[in-house]
């Protein structure tokens, strides 16, 4: 499954609120992400506000379009917008970063076991 990484910028003044909201994401939002095709989704946040996201999806654009079509995403993005630098919905401002290395892929290509147990 294709892997995607993105970066964005949370306003450093709002880090505590951002972390708090992500400690217990709305169940409806979680289900919408899952149903839209997002998997292995993780967010990482530096103390300077750099947000790094990772997810897997068969089709990134389709997964994003499915989320954009949900009412819960519109409500979530509206709630989150003022925590970010810049204007607009935060999920529309992601800067995607191309993957240049993946250990499992290269182990497979080299004919080596993916896990150490052999």
PDB file of N, CA and C in Angstrom:
ATOM      1  N   UNK A   1       0.857  -1.177   0.000  1.00  0.00           N
ATOM      2  CA  UNK A   1       0.000   0.000   0.000  1.00  0.00           C
ATOM      3  C   UNK A   1       0.901   1.237   0.000  1.00  0.00           C
ATOM      4  N   UNK A   2       0.570   2.224  -0.809  1.00  0.00           N
ATOM      5  CA  UNK A   2       1.382   3.450  -0.832  1.00  0.00           C
ATOM      6  C   UNK A   2       1.393   4.153   0.524  1.00  0.00           C
ATOM      7  N   UNK A   3       2.541   4.752   0.839  1.00  0.00           N
ATOM      8  CA  UNK A   3       2.748   5.480   2.089  1.00  0.00           C
ATOM      9  C   UNK A   3       2.883   6.967   1.772  1.00  0.00           C
ATOM     10  N   UNK A   4       2.346   7.804   2.665  1.00  0.00           N
ATOM     11  CA  UNK A   4       2.383   9.251   2.456  1.00  0.00           C
ATOM     12  C   UNK A   4       2.844   9.958   3.717  1.00  0.00           C
ATOM     13  N   UNK A   5       3.675  10.960   3.530  1.00  0.00           N
ATOM     14  CA  UNK A   5       4.139  11.799   4.627  1.00  0.00           C
ATOM     15  C   UNK A   5       3.827  13.240   4.254  1.00  0.00           C
ATOM     16  N   UNK A   6       3.396  14.010   5.234  1.00  0.00           N
ATOM     17  CA  UNK A   6       3.143  15.427   4.984  1.00  0.00           C
ATOM     18  C   UNK A   6       3.634  16.242   6.174  1.00  0.00           C
ATOM     19  N   UNK A   7       3.864  17.517   5.911  1.00  0.00           N
ATOM     20  CA  UNK A   7       4.219  18.449   6.976  1.00  0.00           C
ATOM     21  C   UNK A   7       3.259  19.628   6.936  1.00  0.00           C
ATOM     22  N   UNK A   8       3.082  20.228   8.079  1.00  0.00           N
ATOM     23  CA  UNK A   8       2.265  21.422   8.226  1.00  0.00           C
ATOM     24  C   UNK A   8       2.804  22.165   9.445  1.00  0.00           C
ATOM     25  N   UNK A   9       2.203  23.303   9.761  1.00  0.00           N
ATOM     26  CA  UNK A   9       2.719  24.100  10.863  1.00  0.00           C
ATOM     27  C   UNK A   9       1.599  24.513  11.813  1.00  0.00           C
ATOM     28  N   UNK A  10       1.686  24.006  13.031  1.00  0.00           N
ATOM     29  CA  UNK A  10       0.776  24.420  14.095  1.00  0.00           C
ATOM     30  C   UNK A  10       1.376  25.664  14.737  1.00  0.00           C
ATOM     31  N   UNK A  11       0.535  26.624  15.024  1.00  0.00           N
ATOM     32  CA  UNK A  11       1.004  27.823  15.705  1.00  0.00           C
ATOM     33  C   UNK A  11       1.556  27.407  17.075  1.00  0.00           C
ATOM     34  N   UNK A  12       2.817  27.699  17.359  1.00  0.00           N
ATOM     35  CA  UNK A  12       3.407  27.269  18.629  1.00  0.00           C
ATOM     36  C   UNK A  12       2.645  27.724  19.871  1.00  0.00           C
ATOM     37  N   UNK A  13       1.863  28.787  19.758  1.00  0.00           N
ATOM     38  CA  UNK A  13       1.061  29.241  20.899  1.00  0.00           C
ATOM     39  C   UNK A  13      -0.079  28.284  21.219  1.00  0.00           C
ATOM     40  N   UNK A  14      -0.398  27.379  20.298  1.00  0.00           N
ATOM     41  CA  UNK A  14      -1.560  26.502  20.462  1.00  0.00           C
ATOM     42  C   UNK A  14      -1.196  25.020  20.578  1.00  0.00           C
ATOM     43  N   UNK A  15       0.048  24.721  20.883  1.00  0.00           N
ATOM     44  CA  UNK A  15       0.483  23.322  20.938  1.00  0.00           C
ATOM     45  C   UNK A  15      -0.287  22.512  21.975  1.00  0.00           C
ATOM     46  N   UNK A  16      -0.507  23.069  23.141  1.00  0.00           N
ATOM     47  CA  UNK A  16      -1.214  22.329  24.196  1.00  0.00           C
ATOM     48  C   UNK A  16      -2.633  21.977  23.758  1.00  0.00           C
ATOM     49  N   UNK A  17      -3.324  22.911  23.144  1.00  0.00           N
ATOM     50  CA  UNK A  17      -4.687  22.656  22.677  1.00  0.00           C
ATOM     51  C   UNK A  17      -4.673  21.616  21.562  1.00  0.00           C
ATOM     52  N   UNK A  18      -3.717  21.735  20.640  1.00  0.00           N
ATOM     53  CA  UNK A  18      -3.620  20.769  19.544  1.00  0.00           C
ATOM     54  C   UNK A  18      -3.407  19.357  20.099  1.00  0.00           C
ATOM     55  N   UNK A  19      -2.483  19.229  21.031  1.00  0.00           N
ATOM     56  CA  UNK A  19      -2.219  17.910  21.634  1.00  0.00           C
ATOM     57  C   UNK A  19      -3.453  17.384  22.382  1.00  0.00           C
ATOM     58  N   UNK A  20      -4.114  18.264  23.103  1.00  0.00           N
ATOM     59  CA  UNK A  20      -5.301  17.864  23.859  1.00  0.00           C
ATOM     60  C   UNK A  20      -6.396  17.348  22.936  1.00  0.00           C
ATOM     61  N   UNK A  21      -6.642  18.044  21.845  1.00  0.00           N
ATOM     62  CA  UNK A  21      -7.695  17.616  20.915  1.00  0.00           C
ATOM     63  C   UNK A  21      -7.360  16.280  20.256  1.00  0.00           C
ATOM     64  N   UNK A  22      -6.084  16.033  20.047  1.00  0.00           N
ATOM     65  CA  UNK A  22      -5.704  14.772  19.401  1.00  0.00           C
ATOM     66  C   UNK A  22      -5.542  13.620  20.391  1.00  0.00           C
ATOM     67  N   UNK A  23      -5.613  13.911  21.670  1.00  0.00           N
ATOM     68  CA  UNK A  23      -5.549  12.848  22.676  1.00  0.00           C
ATOM     69  C   UNK A  23      -6.849  12.043  22.707  1.00  0.00           C
ATOM     70  N   UNK A  24      -7.925  12.645  22.244  1.00  0.00           N
ATOM     71  CA  UNK A  24      -9.229  11.974  22.216  1.00  0.00           C
ATOM     72  C   UNK A  24     -10.037  12.500  21.028  1.00  0.00           C
ATOM     73  N   UNK A  25      -9.636  12.074  19.839  1.00  0.00           N
ATOM     74  CA  UNK A  25     -10.325  12.493  18.608  1.00  0.00           C
ATOM     75  C   UNK A  25     -11.748  11.920  18.623  1.00  0.00           C
ATOM     76  N   UNK A  26     -12.680  12.687  18.104  1.00  0.00           N
ATOM     77  CA  UNK A  26     -14.073  12.267  18.065  1.00  0.00           C
ATOM     78  C   UNK A  26     -14.198  10.883  17.411  1.00  0.00           C
ATOM     79  N   UNK A  27     -14.935   9.980  18.014  1.00  0.00           N
ATOM     80  CA  UNK A  27     -15.130   8.656  17.403  1.00  0.00           C
ATOM     81  C   UNK A  27     -15.667   8.728  15.975  1.00  0.00           C
ATOM     82  N   UNK A  28     -16.545   9.690  15.708  1.00  0.00           N
ATOM     83  CA  UNK A  28     -17.103   9.867  14.358  1.00  0.00           C
ATOM     84  C   UNK A  28     -16.001  10.236  13.362  1.00  0.00           C
ATOM     85  N   UNK A  29     -15.025  11.034  13.797  1.00  0.00           N
ATOM     86  CA  UNK A  29     -13.907  11.408  12.934  1.00  0.00           C
ATOM     87  C   UNK A  29     -13.009  10.199  12.680  1.00  0.00           C
ATOM     88  N   UNK A  30     -12.747   9.431  13.726  1.00  0.00           N
ATOM     89  CA  UNK A  30     -11.921   8.230  13.572  1.00  0.00           C
ATOM     90  C   UNK A  30     -12.552   7.271  12.562  1.00  0.00           C
ATOM     91  N   UNK A  31     -13.849   7.057  12.688  1.00  0.00           N
ATOM     92  CA  UNK A  31     -14.549   6.150  11.776  1.00  0.00           C
ATOM     93  C   UNK A  31     -14.526   6.688  10.350  1.00  0.00           C
ATOM     94  N   UNK A  32     -14.678   7.993  10.198  1.00  0.00           N
ATOM     95  CA  UNK A  32     -14.664   8.589   8.856  1.00  0.00           C
ATOM     96  C   UNK A  32     -13.295   8.406   8.192  1.00  0.00           C
ATOM     97  N   UNK A  33     -12.234   8.622   8.950  1.00  0.00           N
ATOM     98  CA  UNK A  33     -10.888   8.409   8.394  1.00  0.00           C
ATOM     99  C   UNK A  33     -10.719   6.960   7.950  1.00  0.00           C
ATOM    100  N   UNK A  34     -11.082   6.047   8.815  1.00  0.00           N
ATOM    101  CA  UNK A  34     -10.979   4.622   8.486  1.00  0.00           C
ATOM    102  C   UNK A  34     -11.799   4.309   7.239  1.00  0.00           C
ATOM    103  N   UNK A  35     -13.036   4.754   7.209  1.00  0.00           N
ATOM    104  CA  UNK A  35     -13.939   4.433   6.105  1.00  0.00           C
ATOM    105  C   UNK A  35     -13.524   5.102   4.798  1.00  0.00           C
ATOM    106  N   UNK A  36     -12.801   6.214   4.895  1.00  0.00           N
ATOM    107  CA  UNK A  36     -12.325   6.922   3.701  1.00  0.00           C
ATOM    108  C   UNK A  36     -11.065   6.290   3.114  1.00  0.00           C
ATOM    109  N   UNK A  37     -10.480   5.346   3.854  1.00  0.00           N
ATOM    110  CA  UNK A  37      -9.322   4.648   3.316  1.00  0.00           C
ATOM    111  C   UNK A  37      -7.991   5.022   3.915  1.00  0.00           C
ATOM    112  N   UNK A  38      -7.992   5.787   5.003  1.00  0.00           N
ATOM    113  CA  UNK A  38      -6.752   6.144   5.693  1.00  0.00           C
ATOM    114  C   UNK A  38      -6.389   4.992   6.638  1.00  0.00           C
ATOM    115  N   UNK A  39      -5.147   4.541   6.598  1.00  0.00           N
ATOM    116  CA  UNK A  39      -4.707   3.534   7.559  1.00  0.00           C
ATOM    117  C   UNK A  39      -3.301   3.860   8.032  1.00  0.00           C
ATOM    118  N   UNK A  40      -2.926   3.263   9.143  1.00  0.00           N
ATOM    119  CA  UNK A  40      -1.612   3.512   9.764  1.00  0.00           C
ATOM    120  C   UNK A  40      -1.339   5.008   9.885  1.00  0.00           C
ATOM    121  N   UNK A  41      -2.352   5.759  10.239  1.00  0.00           N
ATOM    122  CA  UNK A  41      -2.260   7.217  10.302  1.00  0.00           C
ATOM    123  C   UNK A  41      -1.665   7.628  11.645  1.00  0.00           C
ATOM    124  N   UNK A  42      -0.590   8.399  11.590  1.00  0.00           N
ATOM    125  CA  UNK A  42       0.064   8.927  12.788  1.00  0.00           C
ATOM    126  C   UNK A  42       0.417  10.387  12.578  1.00  0.00           C
ATOM    127  N   UNK A  43       0.413  11.133  13.671  1.00  0.00           N
ATOM    128  CA  UNK A  43       0.860  12.521  13.662  1.00  0.00           C
ATOM    129  C   UNK A  43       1.988  12.679  14.672  1.00  0.00           C
ATOM    130  N   UNK A  44       2.964  13.497  14.316  1.00  0.00           N
ATOM    131  CA  UNK A  44       4.091  13.809  15.185  1.00  0.00           C
ATOM    132  C   UNK A  44       4.182  15.325  15.236  1.00  0.00           C
ATOM    133  N   UNK A  45       4.460  15.878  16.421  1.00  0.00           N
ATOM    134  CA  UNK A  45       4.464  17.328  16.596  1.00  0.00           C
ATOM    135  C   UNK A  45       5.698  17.754  17.379  1.00  0.00           C
ATOM    136  N   UNK A  46       6.485  18.666  16.800  1.00  0.00           N
ATOM    137  CA  UNK A  46       7.651  19.185  17.509  1.00  0.00           C
ATOM    138  C   UNK A  46       7.235  20.322  18.430  1.00  0.00           C
ATOM    139  N   UNK A  47       8.114  20.682  19.348  1.00  0.00           N
ATOM    140  CA  UNK A  47       7.843  21.797  20.245  1.00  0.00           C
ATOM    141  C   UNK A  47       7.845  23.141  19.525  1.00  0.00           C
ATOM    142  N   UNK A  48       8.350  23.174  18.291  1.00  0.00           N
ATOM    143  CA  UNK A  48       8.311  24.394  17.483  1.00  0.00           C
ATOM    144  C   UNK A  48       7.052  24.465  16.625  1.00  0.00           C
ATOM    145  N   UNK A  49       6.207  23.416  16.682  1.00  0.00           N
ATOM    146  CA  UNK A  49       4.952  23.427  15.948  1.00  0.00           C
ATOM    147  C   UNK A  49       4.988  22.707  14.608  1.00  0.00           C
ATOM    148  N   UNK A  50       6.119  22.136  14.234  1.00  0.00           N
ATOM    149  CA  UNK A  50       6.170  21.384  12.980  1.00  0.00           C
ATOM    150  C   UNK A  50       5.369  20.105  13.155  1.00  0.00           C
ATOM    151  N   UNK A  51       4.367  19.934  12.313  1.00  0.00           N
ATOM    152  CA  UNK A  51       3.517  18.758  12.340  1.00  0.00           C
ATOM    153  C   UNK A  51       3.922  17.843  11.195  1.00  0.00           C
ATOM    154  N   UNK A  52       4.179  16.593  11.523  1.00  0.00           N
ATOM    155  CA  UNK A  52       4.542  15.600  10.518  1.00  0.00           C
ATOM    156  C   UNK A  52       3.494  14.504  10.586  1.00  0.00           C
ATOM    157  N   UNK A  53       2.888  14.220   9.454  1.00  0.00           N
ATOM    158  CA  UNK A  53       1.867  13.182   9.394  1.00  0.00           C
ATOM    159  C   UNK A  53       2.295  12.059   8.483  1.00  0.00           C
ATOM    160  N   UNK A  54       1.813  10.864   8.799  1.00  0.00           N
ATOM    161  CA  UNK A  54       2.086   9.684   7.987  1.00  0.00           C
ATOM    162  C   UNK A  54       0.801   8.875   7.893  1.00  0.00           C
ATOM    163  N   UNK A  55       0.493   8.411   6.681  1.00  0.00           N
ATOM    164  CA  UNK A  55      -0.629   7.487   6.529  1.00  0.00           C
ATOM    165  C   UNK A  55      -0.419   6.638   5.290  1.00  0.00           C
ATOM    166  N   UNK A  56      -1.189   5.590   5.219  1.00  0.00           N
ATOM    167  CA  UNK A  56      -1.185   4.715   4.058  1.00  0.00           C
ATOM    168  C   UNK A  56      -2.585   4.735   3.466  1.00  0.00           C
ATOM    169  N   UNK A  57      -2.652   4.674   2.141  1.00  0.00           N
ATOM    170  CA  UNK A  57      -3.936   4.640   1.445  1.00  0.00           C
ATOM    171  C   UNK A  57      -3.712   4.079   0.052  1.00  0.00           C
ATOM    172  N   UNK A  58      -4.693   3.366  -0.444  1.00  0.00           N
ATOM    173  CA  UNK A  58      -4.588   2.873  -1.817  1.00  0.00           C
ATOM    174  C   UNK A  58      -4.488   4.039  -2.797  1.00  0.00           C
ATOM    175  N   UNK A  59      -5.208   5.116  -2.510  1.00  0.00           N
ATOM    176  CA  UNK A  59      -5.232   6.289  -3.384  1.00  0.00           C
ATOM    177  C   UNK A  59      -5.379   7.524  -2.489  1.00  0.00           C
ATOM    178  N   UNK A  60      -4.288   8.278  -2.322  1.00  0.00           N
ATOM    179  CA  UNK A  60      -4.281   9.450  -1.443  1.00  0.00           C
ATOM    180  C   UNK A  60      -5.361  10.453  -1.834  1.00  0.00           C
ATOM    181  N   UNK A  61      -5.460  10.759  -3.117  1.00  0.00           N
ATOM    182  CA  UNK A  61      -6.412  11.770  -3.555  1.00  0.00           C
ATOM    183  C   UNK A  61      -7.852  11.331  -3.297  1.00  0.00           C
ATOM    184  N   UNK A  62      -8.132  10.049  -3.523  1.00  0.00           N
ATOM    185  CA  UNK A  62      -9.474   9.542  -3.255  1.00  0.00           C
ATOM    186  C   UNK A  62      -9.759   9.550  -1.759  1.00  0.00           C
ATOM    187  N   UNK A  63      -8.788   9.144  -0.952  1.00  0.00           N
ATOM    188  CA  UNK A  63      -8.969   9.148   0.503  1.00  0.00           C
ATOM    189  C   UNK A  63      -9.230  10.566   1.008  1.00  0.00           C
ATOM    190  N   UNK A  64      -8.499  11.540   0.477  1.00  0.00           N
ATOM    191  CA  UNK A  64      -8.725  12.937   0.877  1.00  0.00           C
ATOM    192  C   UNK A  64     -10.085  13.431   0.405  1.00  0.00           C
ATOM    193  N   UNK A  65     -10.468  13.082  -0.815  1.00  0.00           N
ATOM    194  CA  UNK A  65     -11.769  13.516  -1.338  1.00  0.00           C
ATOM    195  C   UNK A  65     -12.913  12.928  -0.519  1.00  0.00           C
ATOM    196  N   UNK A  66     -12.763  11.675  -0.130  1.00  0.00           N
ATOM    197  CA  UNK A  66     -13.803  11.053   0.701  1.00  0.00           C
ATOM    198  C   UNK A  66     -13.940  11.782   2.038  1.00  0.00           C
ATOM    199  N   UNK A  67     -12.814  12.151   2.633  1.00  0.00           N
ATOM    200  CA  UNK A  67     -12.881  12.896   3.889  1.00  0.00           C
ATOM    201  C   UNK A  67     -13.494  14.272   3.673  1.00  0.00           C
ATOM    202  N   UNK A  68     -13.100  14.939   2.615  1.00  0.00           N
ATOM    203  CA  UNK A  68     -13.610  16.282   2.333  1.00  0.00           C
ATOM    204  C   UNK A  68     -15.131  16.281   2.167  1.00  0.00           C
ATOM    205  N   UNK A  69     -15.686  15.143   1.783  1.00  0.00           N
ATOM    206  CA  UNK A  69     -17.126  15.042   1.557  1.00  0.00           C
ATOM    207  C   UNK A  69     -17.917  14.775   2.830  1.00  0.00           C
ATOM    208  N   UNK A  70     -17.240  14.613   3.952  1.00  0.00           N
ATOM    209  CA  UNK A  70     -17.954  14.298   5.193  1.00  0.00           C
ATOM    210  C   UNK A  70     -18.234  15.555   6.013  1.00  0.00           C
ATOM    211  N   UNK A  71     -19.365  15.532   6.688  1.00  0.00           N
ATOM    212  CA  UNK A  71     -19.731  16.625   7.583  1.00  0.00           C
ATOM    213  C   UNK A  71     -18.781  16.690   8.781  1.00  0.00           C
ATOM    214  N   UNK A  72     -18.381  15.529   9.294  1.00  0.00           N
ATOM    215  CA  UNK A  72     -17.517  15.527  10.477  1.00  0.00           C
ATOM    216  C   UNK A  72     -16.166  16.158  10.160  1.00  0.00           C
ATOM    217  N   UNK A  73     -15.649  15.948   8.965  1.00  0.00           N
ATOM    218  CA  UNK A  73     -14.371  16.559   8.603  1.00  0.00           C
ATOM    219  C   UNK A  73     -14.505  18.079   8.520  1.00  0.00           C
ATOM    220  N   UNK A  74     -15.605  18.556   7.965  1.00  0.00           N
ATOM    221  CA  UNK A  74     -15.817  20.007   7.897  1.00  0.00           C
ATOM    222  C   UNK A  74     -15.843  20.603   9.304  1.00  0.00           C
ATOM    223  N   UNK A  75     -16.528  19.935  10.226  1.00  0.00           N
ATOM    224  CA  UNK A  75     -16.583  20.427  11.611  1.00  0.00           C
ATOM    225  C   UNK A  75     -15.208  20.364  12.278  1.00  0.00           C
ATOM    226  N   UNK A  76     -14.472  19.272  12.049  1.00  0.00           N
ATOM    227  CA  UNK A  76     -13.145  19.110  12.656  1.00  0.00           C
ATOM    228  C   UNK A  76     -12.186  20.174  12.113  1.00  0.00           C
ATOM    229  N   UNK A  77     -12.163  20.361  10.800  1.00  0.00           N
ATOM    230  CA  UNK A  77     -11.259  21.335  10.198  1.00  0.00           C
ATOM    231  C   UNK A  77     -11.578  22.749  10.677  1.00  0.00           C
ATOM    232  N   UNK A  78     -12.854  23.068  10.826  1.00  0.00           N
ATOM    233  CA  UNK A  78     -13.237  24.388  11.329  1.00  0.00           C
ATOM    234  C   UNK A  78     -12.739  24.580  12.755  1.00  0.00           C
ATOM    235  N   UNK A  79     -12.804  23.528  13.571  1.00  0.00           N
ATOM    236  CA  UNK A  79     -12.337  23.617  14.948  1.00  0.00           C
ATOM    237  C   UNK A  79     -10.813  23.732  15.019  1.00  0.00           C
ATOM    238  N   UNK A  80     -10.119  23.121  14.082  1.00  0.00           N
ATOM    239  CA  UNK A  80      -8.661  23.081  14.116  1.00  0.00           C
ATOM    240  C   UNK A  80      -8.007  24.281  13.414  1.00  0.00           C
ATOM    241  N   UNK A  81      -8.707  24.933  12.514  1.00  0.00           N
ATOM    242  CA  UNK A  81      -8.109  25.942  11.634  1.00  0.00           C
ATOM    243  C   UNK A  81      -7.343  27.024  12.381  1.00  0.00           C
ATOM    244  N   UNK A  82      -7.880  27.531  13.477  1.00  0.00           N
ATOM    245  CA  UNK A  82      -7.204  28.635  14.156  1.00  0.00           C
ATOM    246  C   UNK A  82      -6.001  28.181  14.986  1.00  0.00           C
ATOM    247  N   UNK A  83      -5.729  26.877  15.008  1.00  0.00           N
ATOM    248  CA  UNK A  83      -4.539  26.388  15.705  1.00  0.00           C
ATOM    249  C   UNK A  83      -3.310  26.353  14.790  1.00  0.00           C
ATOM    250  N   UNK A  84      -3.525  26.524  13.506  1.00  0.00           N
ATOM    251  CA  UNK A  84      -2.453  26.451  12.512  1.00  0.00           C
ATOM    252  C   UNK A  84      -2.025  27.844  12.058  1.00  0.00           C
ATOM    253  N   UNK A  85      -0.827  27.920  11.527  1.00  0.00           N
ATOM    254  CA  UNK A  85      -0.419  29.133  10.839  1.00  0.00           C
ATOM    255  C   UNK A  85      -1.057  29.088   9.453  1.00  0.00           C
ATOM    256  N   UNK A  86      -1.254  30.207   8.829  1.00  0.00           N
ATOM    257  CA  UNK A  86      -1.861  30.229   7.497  1.00  0.00           C
ATOM    258  C   UNK A  86      -3.369  30.257   7.574  1.00  0.00           C
ATOM    259  N   UNK A  87      -3.977  30.280   6.385  1.00  0.00           N
ATOM    260  CA  UNK A  87      -5.424  30.392   6.283  1.00  0.00           C
ATOM    261  C   UNK A  87      -6.009  29.113   5.683  1.00  0.00           C
ATOM    262  N   UNK A  88      -7.306  28.945   5.827  1.00  0.00           N
ATOM    263  CA  UNK A  88      -8.002  27.821   5.214  1.00  0.00           C
ATOM    264  C   UNK A  88      -7.993  26.579   6.086  1.00  0.00           C
ATOM    265  N   UNK A  89      -8.568  25.507   5.522  1.00  0.00           N
ATOM    266  CA  UNK A  89      -8.608  24.238   6.231  1.00  0.00           C
ATOM    267  C   UNK A  89      -7.205  23.663   6.340  1.00  0.00           C
ATOM    268  N   UNK A  90      -6.812  23.222   7.512  1.00  0.00           N
ATOM    269  CA  UNK A  90      -5.467  22.664   7.676  1.00  0.00           C
ATOM    270  C   UNK A  90      -5.173  21.506   6.730  1.00  0.00           C
ATOM    271  N   UNK A  91      -6.160  20.650   6.462  1.00  0.00           N
ATOM    272  CA  UNK A  91      -5.895  19.480   5.621  1.00  0.00           C
ATOM    273  C   UNK A  91      -5.729  19.825   4.149  1.00  0.00           C
ATOM    274  N   UNK A  92      -5.989  21.069   3.784  1.00  0.00           N
ATOM    275  CA  UNK A  92      -5.772  21.496   2.405  1.00  0.00           C
ATOM    276  C   UNK A  92      -4.391  22.125   2.218  1.00  0.00           C
ATOM    277  N   UNK A  93      -3.669  22.345   3.338  1.00  0.00           N
ATOM    278  CA  UNK A  93      -2.368  22.984   3.258  1.00  0.00           C
ATOM    279  C   UNK A  93      -1.193  22.054   3.502  1.00  0.00           C
ATOM    280  N   UNK A  94      -1.441  20.742   3.491  1.00  0.00           N
ATOM    281  CA  UNK A  94      -0.347  19.801   3.721  1.00  0.00           C
ATOM    282  C   UNK A  94       0.680  19.897   2.602  1.00  0.00           C
ATOM    283  N   UNK A  95       1.941  19.875   2.982  1.00  0.00           N
ATOM    284  CA  UNK A  95       3.034  19.766   2.021  1.00  0.00           C
ATOM    285  C   UNK A  95       3.476  18.311   2.041  1.00  0.00           C
ATOM    286  N   UNK A  96       3.247  17.598   0.946  1.00  0.00           N
ATOM    287  CA  UNK A  96       3.606  16.184   0.894  1.00  0.00           C
ATOM    288  C   UNK A  96       5.087  16.023   0.608  1.00  0.00           C
ATOM    289  N   UNK A  97       5.696  15.063   1.299  1.00  0.00           N
ATOM    290  CA  UNK A  97       7.132  14.803   1.210  1.00  0.00           C
ATOM    291  C   UNK A  97       7.316  13.434   0.558  1.00  0.00           C
ATOM    292  N   UNK A  98       8.075  13.367  -0.539  1.00  0.00           N
ATOM    293  CA  UNK A  98       8.251  12.068  -1.195  1.00  0.00           C
ATOM    294  C   UNK A  98       9.107  11.115  -0.365  1.00  0.00           C
ATOM    295  N   UNK A  99       8.708   9.867  -0.357  1.00  0.00           N
ATOM    296  CA  UNK A  99       9.472   8.834   0.332  1.00  0.00           C
ATOM    297  C   UNK A  99      10.685   8.462  -0.517  1.00  0.00           C
ATOM    298  N   UNK A 100      11.860   8.400   0.112  1.00  0.00           N
ATOM    299  CA  UNK A 100      13.068   8.034  -0.628  1.00  0.00           C
ATOM    300  C   UNK A 100      13.710   6.758  -0.111  1.00  0.00           C
ATOM    301  N   UNK A 101      13.259   6.259   1.042  1.00  0.00           N
ATOM    302  CA  UNK A 101      13.814   5.030   1.600  1.00  0.00           C
ATOM    303  C   UNK A 101      12.768   4.348   2.456  1.00  0.00           C
ATOM    304  N   UNK A 102      12.672   3.033   2.303  1.00  0.00           N
ATOM    305  CA  UNK A 102      11.841   2.223   3.181  1.00  0.00           C
ATOM    306  C   UNK A 102      12.581   0.926   3.434  1.00  0.00           C
ATOM    307  N   UNK A 103      12.859   0.643   4.689  1.00  0.00           N
ATOM    308  CA  UNK A 103      13.666  -0.518   5.055  1.00  0.00           C
ATOM    309  C   UNK A 103      13.054  -1.819   4.552  1.00  0.00           C
ATOM    310  N   UNK A 104      11.776  -2.036   4.808  1.00  0.00           N
ATOM    311  CA  UNK A 104      11.146  -3.290   4.405  1.00  0.00           C
ATOM    312  C   UNK A 104      11.203  -3.489   2.890  1.00  0.00           C
ATOM    313  N   UNK A 105      10.930  -2.428   2.145  1.00  0.00           N
ATOM    314  CA  UNK A 105      10.991  -2.537   0.679  1.00  0.00           C
ATOM    315  C   UNK A 105      12.389  -2.921   0.214  1.00  0.00           C
ATOM    316  N   UNK A 106      13.412  -2.301   0.802  1.00  0.00           N
ATOM    317  CA  UNK A 106      14.766  -2.590   0.359  1.00  0.00           C
ATOM    318  C   UNK A 106      15.249  -3.959   0.826  1.00  0.00           C
ATOM    319  N   UNK A 107      14.820  -4.380   2.019  1.00  0.00           N
ATOM    320  CA  UNK A 107      15.149  -5.738   2.454  1.00  0.00           C
ATOM    321  C   UNK A 107      14.560  -6.763   1.481  1.00  0.00           C
ATOM    322  N   UNK A 108      13.297  -6.562   1.114  1.00  0.00           N
ATOM    323  CA  UNK A 108      12.654  -7.474   0.150  1.00  0.00           C
ATOM    324  C   UNK A 108      13.397  -7.468  -1.181  1.00  0.00           C
ATOM    325  N   UNK A 109      13.743  -6.280  -1.676  1.00  0.00           N
ATOM    326  CA  UNK A 109      14.446  -6.168  -2.956  1.00  0.00           C
ATOM    327  C   UNK A 109      15.810  -6.864  -2.913  1.00  0.00           C
ATOM    328  N   UNK A 110      16.438  -6.880  -1.750  1.00  0.00           N
ATOM    329  CA  UNK A 110      17.746  -7.530  -1.593  1.00  0.00           C
ATOM    330  C   UNK A 110      17.600  -9.023  -1.306  1.00  0.00           C
ATOM    331  N   UNK A 111      16.355  -9.507  -1.234  1.00  0.00           N
ATOM    332  CA  UNK A 111      16.139 -10.919  -0.952  1.00  0.00           C
ATOM    333  C   UNK A 111      16.383 -11.295   0.500  1.00  0.00           C
ATOM    334  N   UNK A 112      16.278 -10.323   1.390  1.00  0.00           N
ATOM    335  CA  UNK A 112      16.519 -10.548   2.819  1.00  0.00           C
ATOM    336  C   UNK A 112      15.210 -10.588   3.584  1.00  0.00           C
ATOM    337  N   UNK A 113      15.183 -11.305   4.706  1.00  0.00           N
ATOM    338  CA  UNK A 113      13.961 -11.313   5.527  1.00  0.00           C
ATOM    339  C   UNK A 113      13.650  -9.903   6.042  1.00  0.00           C
ATOM    340  N   UNK A 114      12.386  -9.598   6.133  1.00  0.00           N
ATOM    341  CA  UNK A 114      11.954  -8.284   6.607  1.00  0.00           C
ATOM    342  C   UNK A 114      12.106  -8.174   8.115  1.00  0.00           C
ATOM    343  N   UNK A 115      11.857  -9.257   8.850  1.00  0.00           N
ATOM    344  CA  UNK A 115      12.040  -9.185  10.300  1.00  0.00           C
ATOM    345  C   UNK A 115      13.262 -10.004  10.716  1.00  0.00           C
ATOM    346  N   UNK A 116      13.832  -9.636  11.831  1.00  0.00           N
ATOM    347  CA  UNK A 116      15.096 -10.234  12.282  1.00  0.00           C
ATOM    348  C   UNK A 116      14.973 -11.695  12.650  1.00  0.00           C
ATOM    349  N   UNK A 117      13.753 -12.170  12.870  1.00  0.00           N
ATOM    350  CA  UNK A 117      13.589 -13.573  13.272  1.00  0.00           C
ATOM    351  C   UNK A 117      13.772 -14.535  12.110  1.00  0.00           C
ATOM    352  N   UNK A 118      13.937 -13.971  10.895  1.00  0.00           N
ATOM    353  CA  UNK A 118      14.262 -14.815   9.756  1.00  0.00           C
ATOM    354  C   UNK A 118      13.095 -15.211   8.965  1.00  0.00           C
TER     355      UNK A 118
END
